[in-house]
């Protein structure tokens, strides 16, 4: 189960990283506008964060508490 929770944590961190990276403004390295790509990047990050948070909430609600 440790690998599972590690994977959920990695997905959460990567999703937050995609959201932060997509929120950066300005042109890319070659001077082109990357707003469409960054918008998709933020949406993918939001889905990743949402899925990992749902997994954490479901695990919390279904845990066998003493």
N, C-alpha and C. Protein backbone atom coordinates (compact mmCIF):
# COMPACT_ATOMS: atom_id res chain seq x y z
N UNK A 1 0.82 -1.20 0.00
CA UNK A 1 0.00 0.00 0.00
C UNK A 1 0.86 1.26 0.00
N UNK A 2 2.09 1.15 0.45
CA UNK A 2 2.96 2.33 0.47
C UNK A 2 3.17 2.86 -0.94
N UNK A 3 3.32 1.94 -1.91
CA UNK A 3 3.50 2.38 -3.29
C UNK A 3 2.27 3.11 -3.80
N UNK A 4 1.10 2.64 -3.40
CA UNK A 4 -0.14 3.29 -3.81
C UNK A 4 -0.21 4.72 -3.29
N UNK A 5 0.08 4.90 -2.00
CA UNK A 5 0.01 6.24 -1.43
C UNK A 5 1.11 7.13 -1.97
N UNK A 6 2.25 6.55 -2.27
CA UNK A 6 3.32 7.32 -2.90
C UNK A 6 2.89 7.79 -4.28
N UNK A 7 2.24 6.92 -5.03
CA UNK A 7 1.76 7.28 -6.37
C UNK A 7 0.70 8.37 -6.29
N UNK A 8 -0.20 8.28 -5.31
CA UNK A 8 -1.22 9.32 -5.15
C UNK A 8 -0.56 10.65 -4.82
N UNK A 9 0.46 10.62 -3.96
CA UNK A 9 1.18 11.84 -3.63
C UNK A 9 1.91 12.43 -4.82
N UNK A 10 2.51 11.58 -5.64
CA UNK A 10 3.20 12.05 -6.84
C UNK A 10 2.22 12.68 -7.82
N UNK A 11 1.07 12.06 -8.02
CA UNK A 11 0.05 12.61 -8.92
C UNK A 11 -0.42 13.97 -8.40
N UNK A 12 -0.61 14.09 -7.10
CA UNK A 12 -1.02 15.37 -6.51
C UNK A 12 0.03 16.45 -6.75
N UNK A 13 1.29 16.13 -6.50
CA UNK A 13 2.36 17.11 -6.67
C UNK A 13 2.53 17.48 -8.15
N UNK A 14 2.46 16.51 -9.04
CA UNK A 14 2.57 16.80 -10.47
C UNK A 14 1.40 17.66 -10.95
N UNK A 15 0.21 17.38 -10.45
CA UNK A 15 -0.94 18.19 -10.83
C UNK A 15 -0.80 19.62 -10.38
N UNK A 16 -0.33 19.82 -9.15
CA UNK A 16 -0.12 21.18 -8.66
C UNK A 16 0.98 21.86 -9.49
N UNK A 17 2.00 21.12 -9.83
CA UNK A 17 3.06 21.68 -10.67
C UNK A 17 2.57 22.09 -12.04
N UNK A 18 1.69 21.29 -12.63
CA UNK A 18 1.12 21.65 -13.94
C UNK A 18 0.26 22.90 -13.83
N UNK A 19 -0.49 23.02 -12.75
CA UNK A 19 -1.32 24.21 -12.57
C UNK A 19 -0.45 25.45 -12.42
N UNK A 20 0.58 25.34 -11.61
CA UNK A 20 1.48 26.49 -11.40
C UNK A 20 2.22 26.83 -12.70
N UNK A 21 2.72 25.81 -13.38
CA UNK A 21 3.41 26.05 -14.64
C UNK A 21 2.50 26.63 -15.71
N UNK A 22 1.26 26.20 -15.73
CA UNK A 22 0.32 26.73 -16.71
C UNK A 22 -0.15 28.13 -16.39
N UNK A 23 -0.04 28.54 -15.14
CA UNK A 23 -0.49 29.87 -14.77
C UNK A 23 0.54 30.95 -15.06
N UNK A 24 1.75 30.55 -15.44
CA UNK A 24 2.77 31.53 -15.78
C UNK A 24 2.37 32.28 -17.04
N UNK A 25 2.61 33.55 -17.06
CA UNK A 25 2.25 34.35 -18.22
C UNK A 25 3.49 34.69 -19.03
N UNK A 26 3.27 35.11 -20.24
CA UNK A 26 4.37 35.51 -21.10
C UNK A 26 4.59 34.52 -22.22
N UNK A 27 5.39 34.92 -23.18
CA UNK A 27 5.67 34.04 -24.33
C UNK A 27 6.62 32.93 -23.96
N UNK A 28 6.66 31.93 -24.81
CA UNK A 28 7.58 30.82 -24.60
C UNK A 28 9.00 31.22 -24.95
N UNK A 29 9.89 30.24 -24.95
CA UNK A 29 11.30 30.53 -25.23
C UNK A 29 11.53 31.07 -26.63
N UNK A 30 10.73 30.60 -27.57
CA UNK A 30 10.90 31.04 -28.95
C UNK A 30 10.04 32.25 -29.28
N UNK A 31 9.36 32.83 -28.30
CA UNK A 31 8.59 34.04 -28.52
C UNK A 31 7.15 33.83 -28.92
N UNK A 32 6.72 32.58 -29.10
CA UNK A 32 5.33 32.32 -29.48
C UNK A 32 4.42 32.36 -28.28
N UNK A 33 3.17 32.68 -28.54
CA UNK A 33 2.18 32.71 -27.47
C UNK A 33 1.77 31.28 -27.13
N UNK A 34 1.83 30.95 -25.86
CA UNK A 34 1.54 29.59 -25.42
C UNK A 34 0.28 29.52 -24.57
N UNK A 35 -0.61 30.48 -24.72
CA UNK A 35 -1.78 30.54 -23.84
C UNK A 35 -2.69 29.31 -24.02
N UNK A 36 -2.86 28.83 -25.25
CA UNK A 36 -3.72 27.65 -25.47
C UNK A 36 -3.09 26.42 -24.84
N UNK A 37 -1.79 26.26 -25.01
CA UNK A 37 -1.11 25.10 -24.43
C UNK A 37 -1.14 25.17 -22.91
N UNK A 38 -0.94 26.35 -22.36
CA UNK A 38 -0.96 26.50 -20.90
C UNK A 38 -2.35 26.27 -20.34
N UNK A 39 -3.37 26.63 -21.10
CA UNK A 39 -4.74 26.37 -20.65
C UNK A 39 -4.99 24.87 -20.54
N UNK A 40 -4.56 24.12 -21.53
CA UNK A 40 -4.71 22.66 -21.50
C UNK A 40 -3.87 22.08 -20.36
N UNK A 41 -2.69 22.63 -20.17
CA UNK A 41 -1.81 22.17 -19.09
C UNK A 41 -2.48 22.37 -17.73
N UNK A 42 -3.12 23.51 -17.54
CA UNK A 42 -3.81 23.76 -16.28
C UNK A 42 -5.01 22.84 -16.10
N UNK A 43 -5.72 22.54 -17.18
CA UNK A 43 -6.87 21.64 -17.08
C UNK A 43 -6.43 20.23 -16.72
N UNK A 44 -5.35 19.76 -17.32
CA UNK A 44 -4.83 18.43 -17.00
C UNK A 44 -4.38 18.40 -15.54
N UNK A 45 -3.71 19.44 -15.10
CA UNK A 45 -3.29 19.51 -13.70
C UNK A 45 -4.46 19.52 -12.75
N UNK A 46 -5.52 20.23 -13.11
CA UNK A 46 -6.71 20.27 -12.25
C UNK A 46 -7.36 18.90 -12.16
N UNK A 47 -7.40 18.16 -13.25
CA UNK A 47 -7.96 16.81 -13.23
C UNK A 47 -7.11 15.90 -12.35
N UNK A 48 -5.80 16.02 -12.47
CA UNK A 48 -4.92 15.19 -11.65
C UNK A 48 -5.09 15.49 -10.16
N UNK A 49 -5.16 16.76 -9.82
CA UNK A 49 -5.37 17.13 -8.41
C UNK A 49 -6.72 16.65 -7.93
N UNK A 50 -7.75 16.83 -8.75
CA UNK A 50 -9.09 16.39 -8.37
C UNK A 50 -9.17 14.89 -8.14
N UNK A 51 -8.56 14.12 -9.02
CA UNK A 51 -8.58 12.66 -8.87
C UNK A 51 -7.83 12.24 -7.61
N UNK A 52 -6.66 12.82 -7.38
CA UNK A 52 -5.90 12.41 -6.21
C UNK A 52 -6.60 12.82 -4.91
N UNK A 53 -7.25 13.98 -4.90
CA UNK A 53 -7.99 14.39 -3.71
C UNK A 53 -9.21 13.50 -3.49
N UNK A 54 -9.87 13.10 -4.56
CA UNK A 54 -11.01 12.18 -4.42
C UNK A 54 -10.55 10.85 -3.86
N UNK A 55 -9.42 10.36 -4.31
CA UNK A 55 -8.88 9.10 -3.78
C UNK A 55 -8.59 9.24 -2.29
N UNK A 56 -8.01 10.36 -1.89
CA UNK A 56 -7.70 10.57 -0.48
C UNK A 56 -8.96 10.66 0.37
N UNK A 57 -9.98 11.35 -0.12
CA UNK A 57 -11.23 11.48 0.63
C UNK A 57 -11.93 10.12 0.74
N UNK A 58 -11.98 9.38 -0.35
CA UNK A 58 -12.61 8.06 -0.32
C UNK A 58 -11.86 7.13 0.63
N UNK A 59 -10.53 7.20 0.62
CA UNK A 59 -9.75 6.37 1.53
C UNK A 59 -10.00 6.76 2.98
N UNK A 60 -10.14 8.04 3.23
CA UNK A 60 -10.42 8.51 4.58
C UNK A 60 -11.80 8.04 5.05
N UNK A 61 -12.78 8.14 4.18
CA UNK A 61 -14.15 7.78 4.56
C UNK A 61 -14.34 6.28 4.71
N UNK A 62 -13.58 5.49 4.00
CA UNK A 62 -13.74 4.03 4.05
C UNK A 62 -12.70 3.36 4.96
N UNK A 63 -11.89 4.12 5.65
CA UNK A 63 -10.84 3.54 6.50
C UNK A 63 -11.48 2.83 7.69
N UNK A 64 -10.80 1.80 8.15
CA UNK A 64 -11.25 1.04 9.30
C UNK A 64 -10.68 1.69 10.57
N UNK A 65 -11.41 2.66 11.08
CA UNK A 65 -10.95 3.39 12.25
C UNK A 65 -11.23 2.59 13.53
N UNK A 66 -10.31 2.64 14.49
CA UNK A 66 -10.53 1.89 15.74
C UNK A 66 -11.62 2.48 16.60
